[in-house]
């Protein structure tokens, strides 16, 4: 009997700029999966090759009301998409997706930004232990209990 599993559903989510660029560099790893993207700017739609793209509020710690809106938007995406895995390169959208993913039974991968050579990103340091996979791209930042260094891939 040939049992065929459905493709993995992946939510690939990040804020804009370098976080988004690094997330896009992971696209080959998503091959064969059903990928939904989420980010802060509709202009990034050209990068996803026709895959679904959700746009969320761009928020920082300096805008607590916007952070609340962002958290609700991410929760709504998670409920709609029902991903098997959430992959993020940070910042705030990835933070909330990593924290909330367990509510829909998804596993999570946090890949800290390449730009954070001297220390972990603020979001990465706060959410990393909640992620199923927590990676840094700098060997000097790896530590027991996480994050792990598996190579600079982005």
C-alpha atoms as a PDB file:
ATOM      1  CA  UNK A   1       0.000   0.000   0.000  1.00  0.00           C
ATOM      2  CA  UNK A   2       1.424   3.357  -1.036  1.00  0.00           C
ATOM      3  CA  UNK A   3       0.619   5.994   1.575  1.00  0.00           C
ATOM      4  CA  UNK A   4       1.353   9.485   0.363  1.00  0.00           C
ATOM      5  CA  UNK A   5       1.770  12.240   2.920  1.00  0.00           C
ATOM      6  CA  UNK A   6       0.583  15.714   2.075  1.00  0.00           C
ATOM      7  CA  UNK A   7       3.312  18.329   1.605  1.00  0.00           C
ATOM      8  CA  UNK A   8       4.545  20.074   4.741  1.00  0.00           C
ATOM      9  CA  UNK A   9       2.789  23.373   5.410  1.00  0.00           C
ATOM     10  CA  UNK A  10       5.372  26.006   6.296  1.00  0.00           C
ATOM     11  CA  UNK A  11       4.782  29.529   7.528  1.00  0.00           C
ATOM     12  CA  UNK A  12       7.892  31.555   6.674  1.00  0.00           C
ATOM     13  CA  UNK A  13       7.637  34.854   8.553  1.00  0.00           C
ATOM     14  CA  UNK A  14       9.871  37.825   9.245  1.00  0.00           C
ATOM     15  CA  UNK A  15       9.987  41.560   9.449  1.00  0.00           C
ATOM     16  CA  UNK A  16      11.379  43.529   6.514  1.00  0.00           C
ATOM     17  CA  UNK A  17      14.815  44.494   5.309  1.00  0.00           C
ATOM     18  CA  UNK A  18      17.655  42.117   6.125  1.00  0.00           C
ATOM     19  CA  UNK A  19      15.373  39.737   8.001  1.00  0.00           C
ATOM     20  CA  UNK A  20      13.316  39.285   4.838  1.00  0.00           C
ATOM     21  CA  UNK A  21      16.400  38.932   2.613  1.00  0.00           C
ATOM     22  CA  UNK A  22      17.713  36.155   4.857  1.00  0.00           C
ATOM     23  CA  UNK A  23      14.344  34.403   4.905  1.00  0.00           C
ATOM     24  CA  UNK A  24      14.292  34.474   1.105  1.00  0.00           C
ATOM     25  CA  UNK A  25      17.713  32.816   1.054  1.00  0.00           C
ATOM     26  CA  UNK A  26      16.092  29.820   2.779  1.00  0.00           C
ATOM     27  CA  UNK A  27      13.630  29.246  -0.073  1.00  0.00           C
ATOM     28  CA  UNK A  28      15.525  26.253  -1.538  1.00  0.00           C
ATOM     29  CA  UNK A  29      15.052  24.456   1.794  1.00  0.00           C
ATOM     30  CA  UNK A  30      11.281  24.792   1.390  1.00  0.00           C
ATOM     31  CA  UNK A  31      11.164  22.953  -1.942  1.00  0.00           C
ATOM     32  CA  UNK A  32       8.290  20.498  -2.114  1.00  0.00           C
ATOM     33  CA  UNK A  33       6.474  22.178   0.778  1.00  0.00           C
ATOM     34  CA  UNK A  34       3.353  24.300   0.738  1.00  0.00           C
ATOM     35  CA  UNK A  35       4.785  27.650   1.875  1.00  0.00           C
ATOM     36  CA  UNK A  36       2.880  30.676   3.080  1.00  0.00           C
ATOM     37  CA  UNK A  37       4.834  33.849   3.718  1.00  0.00           C
ATOM     38  CA  UNK A  38       4.138  36.697   6.125  1.00  0.00           C
ATOM     39  CA  UNK A  39       5.946  39.993   6.415  1.00  0.00           C
ATOM     40  CA  UNK A  40       5.418  43.719   6.871  1.00  0.00           C
ATOM     41  CA  UNK A  41       5.356  45.025   3.295  1.00  0.00           C
ATOM     42  CA  UNK A  42       3.148  44.066   0.340  1.00  0.00           C
ATOM     43  CA  UNK A  43       6.047  45.045  -1.983  1.00  0.00           C
ATOM     44  CA  UNK A  44       7.778  41.769  -1.035  1.00  0.00           C
ATOM     45  CA  UNK A  45       5.100  39.871  -2.942  1.00  0.00           C
ATOM     46  CA  UNK A  46       7.431  39.867  -5.982  1.00  0.00           C
ATOM     47  CA  UNK A  47       9.860  37.680  -3.994  1.00  0.00           C
ATOM     48  CA  UNK A  48       7.539  34.769  -3.245  1.00  0.00           C
ATOM     49  CA  UNK A  49       6.804  33.470  -6.727  1.00  0.00           C
ATOM     50  CA  UNK A  50       3.033  33.447  -6.412  1.00  0.00           C
ATOM     51  CA  UNK A  51       2.940  31.796  -2.982  1.00  0.00           C
ATOM     52  CA  UNK A  52       0.434  33.209  -0.498  1.00  0.00           C
ATOM     53  CA  UNK A  53       1.666  36.317   1.304  1.00  0.00           C
ATOM     54  CA  UNK A  54       0.115  37.848   4.411  1.00  0.00           C
ATOM     55  CA  UNK A  55       1.016  41.402   5.347  1.00  0.00           C
ATOM     56  CA  UNK A  56       1.169  42.278   9.034  1.00  0.00           C
ATOM     57  CA  UNK A  57       1.686  45.482  10.960  1.00  0.00           C
ATOM     58  CA  UNK A  58       5.280  46.624  11.271  1.00  0.00           C
ATOM     59  CA  UNK A  59       5.841  47.118  14.999  1.00  0.00           C
ATOM     60  CA  UNK A  60       8.681  47.528  17.453  1.00  0.00           C
ATOM     61  CA  UNK A  61       8.983  47.557  21.220  1.00  0.00           C
ATOM     62  CA  UNK A  62       8.508  51.327  21.049  1.00  0.00           C
ATOM     63  CA  UNK A  63       4.925  50.854  19.764  1.00  0.00           C
ATOM     64  CA  UNK A  64       3.097  48.629  22.283  1.00  0.00           C
ATOM     65  CA  UNK A  65      -0.315  49.095  20.646  1.00  0.00           C
ATOM     66  CA  UNK A  66       1.078  48.106  17.273  1.00  0.00           C
ATOM     67  CA  UNK A  67       2.705  45.071  18.889  1.00  0.00           C
ATOM     68  CA  UNK A  68      -0.692  44.015  20.206  1.00  0.00           C
ATOM     69  CA  UNK A  69      -2.211  44.367  16.734  1.00  0.00           C
ATOM     70  CA  UNK A  70       0.708  42.404  15.276  1.00  0.00           C
ATOM     71  CA  UNK A  71       0.257  39.587  17.798  1.00  0.00           C
ATOM     72  CA  UNK A  72      -3.430  39.287  16.881  1.00  0.00           C
ATOM     73  CA  UNK A  73      -2.645  39.307  13.160  1.00  0.00           C
ATOM     74  CA  UNK A  74      -0.033  36.556  13.575  1.00  0.00           C
ATOM     75  CA  UNK A  75      -2.464  34.473  15.649  1.00  0.00           C
ATOM     76  CA  UNK A  76      -5.068  34.819  12.912  1.00  0.00           C
ATOM     77  CA  UNK A  77      -2.571  33.708  10.242  1.00  0.00           C
ATOM     78  CA  UNK A  78      -1.566  30.680  12.321  1.00  0.00           C
ATOM     79  CA  UNK A  79      -5.196  29.629  12.728  1.00  0.00           C
ATOM     80  CA  UNK A  80      -5.900  30.070   9.005  1.00  0.00           C
ATOM     81  CA  UNK A  81      -2.726  28.457   7.668  1.00  0.00           C
ATOM     82  CA  UNK A  82      -2.352  25.716  10.303  1.00  0.00           C
ATOM     83  CA  UNK A  83       1.357  25.256   9.522  1.00  0.00           C
ATOM     84  CA  UNK A  84       3.317  22.167  10.463  1.00  0.00           C
ATOM     85  CA  UNK A  85       6.410  24.331  10.849  1.00  0.00           C
ATOM     86  CA  UNK A  86       7.075  28.029  11.409  1.00  0.00           C
ATOM     87  CA  UNK A  87      10.439  29.299  10.167  1.00  0.00           C
ATOM     88  CA  UNK A  88      11.607  32.800  11.010  1.00  0.00           C
ATOM     89  CA  UNK A  89      14.645  35.021  10.816  1.00  0.00           C
ATOM     90  CA  UNK A  90      13.082  37.509  13.244  1.00  0.00           C
ATOM     91  CA  UNK A  91      12.144  40.140  14.494  1.00  0.00           C
ATOM     92  CA  UNK A  92       8.723  40.975  16.003  1.00  0.00           C
ATOM     93  CA  UNK A  93       6.535  38.981  13.555  1.00  0.00           C
ATOM     94  CA  UNK A  94       8.757  35.946  14.071  1.00  0.00           C
ATOM     95  CA  UNK A  95       8.748  36.449  17.816  1.00  0.00           C
ATOM     96  CA  UNK A  96       4.964  36.223  18.002  1.00  0.00           C
ATOM     97  CA  UNK A  97       4.772  33.375  15.485  1.00  0.00           C
ATOM     98  CA  UNK A  98       7.282  31.368  17.534  1.00  0.00           C
ATOM     99  CA  UNK A  99       5.433  32.030  20.786  1.00  0.00           C
ATOM    100  CA  UNK A 100       1.995  31.249  19.376  1.00  0.00           C
ATOM    101  CA  UNK A 101       2.801  28.350  17.019  1.00  0.00           C
ATOM    102  CA  UNK A 102       2.299  25.687  19.679  1.00  0.00           C
ATOM    103  CA  UNK A 103      -1.365  26.685  19.889  1.00  0.00           C
ATOM    104  CA  UNK A 104      -1.856  25.160  16.436  1.00  0.00           C
ATOM    105  CA  UNK A 105       0.568  22.277  16.966  1.00  0.00           C
ATOM    106  CA  UNK A 106       3.370  23.697  14.814  1.00  0.00           C
ATOM    107  CA  UNK A 107       7.087  23.195  15.367  1.00  0.00           C
ATOM    108  CA  UNK A 108       9.324  26.255  15.165  1.00  0.00           C
ATOM    109  CA  UNK A 109      12.745  27.269  13.889  1.00  0.00           C
ATOM    110  CA  UNK A 110      14.312  30.603  14.897  1.00  0.00           C
ATOM    111  CA  UNK A 111      17.378  31.607  12.877  1.00  0.00           C
ATOM    112  CA  UNK A 112      18.991  34.648  14.423  1.00  0.00           C
ATOM    113  CA  UNK A 113      20.006  37.379  12.036  1.00  0.00           C
ATOM    114  CA  UNK A 114      23.451  37.326  10.434  1.00  0.00           C
ATOM    115  CA  UNK A 115      23.759  40.984  11.448  1.00  0.00           C
ATOM    116  CA  UNK A 116      23.921  40.018  15.123  1.00  0.00           C
ATOM    117  CA  UNK A 117      27.615  39.128  15.268  1.00  0.00           C
ATOM    118  CA  UNK A 118      28.381  40.408  18.776  1.00  0.00           C
ATOM    119  CA  UNK A 119      25.257  39.295  20.598  1.00  0.00           C
ATOM    120  CA  UNK A 120      21.911  37.694  19.935  1.00  0.00           C
ATOM    121  CA  UNK A 121      19.067  39.850  18.714  1.00  0.00           C
ATOM    122  CA  UNK A 122      16.707  41.042  21.420  1.00  0.00           C
ATOM    123  CA  UNK A 123      13.861  38.928  20.049  1.00  0.00           C
ATOM    124  CA  UNK A 124      16.132  35.928  19.537  1.00  0.00           C
ATOM    125  CA  UNK A 125      17.392  36.087  23.103  1.00  0.00           C
ATOM    126  CA  UNK A 126      13.829  36.280  24.446  1.00  0.00           C
ATOM    127  CA  UNK A 127      12.163  33.662  22.285  1.00  0.00           C
ATOM    128  CA  UNK A 128      14.940  31.230  21.463  1.00  0.00           C
ATOM    129  CA  UNK A 129      14.305  28.793  24.289  1.00  0.00           C
ATOM    130  CA  UNK A 130      10.668  28.570  23.130  1.00  0.00           C
ATOM    131  CA  UNK A 131      11.715  27.495  19.635  1.00  0.00           C
ATOM    132  CA  UNK A 132      12.121  23.846  18.716  1.00  0.00           C
ATOM    133  CA  UNK A 133      15.237  24.796  16.757  1.00  0.00           C
ATOM    134  CA  UNK A 134      17.247  27.869  17.762  1.00  0.00           C
ATOM    135  CA  UNK A 135      20.167  28.793  15.538  1.00  0.00           C
ATOM    136  CA  UNK A 136      22.833  31.470  15.421  1.00  0.00           C
ATOM    137  CA  UNK A 137      25.024  32.145  12.419  1.00  0.00           C
ATOM    138  CA  UNK A 138      28.066  33.019  14.526  1.00  0.00           C
ATOM    139  CA  UNK A 139      30.085  30.274  16.271  1.00  0.00           C
ATOM    140  CA  UNK A 140      31.000  32.621  19.132  1.00  0.00           C
ATOM    141  CA  UNK A 141      27.316  33.063  20.042  1.00  0.00           C
ATOM    142  CA  UNK A 142      26.538  29.356  20.316  1.00  0.00           C
ATOM    143  CA  UNK A 143      26.153  28.124  23.874  1.00  0.00           C
ATOM    144  CA  UNK A 144      24.912  25.089  25.780  1.00  0.00           C
ATOM    145  CA  UNK A 145      21.128  25.202  25.880  1.00  0.00           C
ATOM    146  CA  UNK A 146      21.108  27.247  22.692  1.00  0.00           C
ATOM    147  CA  UNK A 147      21.419  28.764  20.320  1.00  0.00           C
ATOM    148  CA  UNK A 148      23.291  26.240  18.209  1.00  0.00           C
ATOM    149  CA  UNK A 149      25.715  27.027  15.417  1.00  0.00           C
ATOM    150  CA  UNK A 150      25.240  24.807  12.372  1.00  0.00           C
ATOM    151  CA  UNK A 151      27.045  27.075   9.912  1.00  0.00           C
ATOM    152  CA  UNK A 152      26.542  30.495   8.424  1.00  0.00           C
ATOM    153  CA  UNK A 153      23.932  29.756   5.842  1.00  0.00           C
ATOM    154  CA  UNK A 154      22.510  33.147   5.144  1.00  0.00           C
END
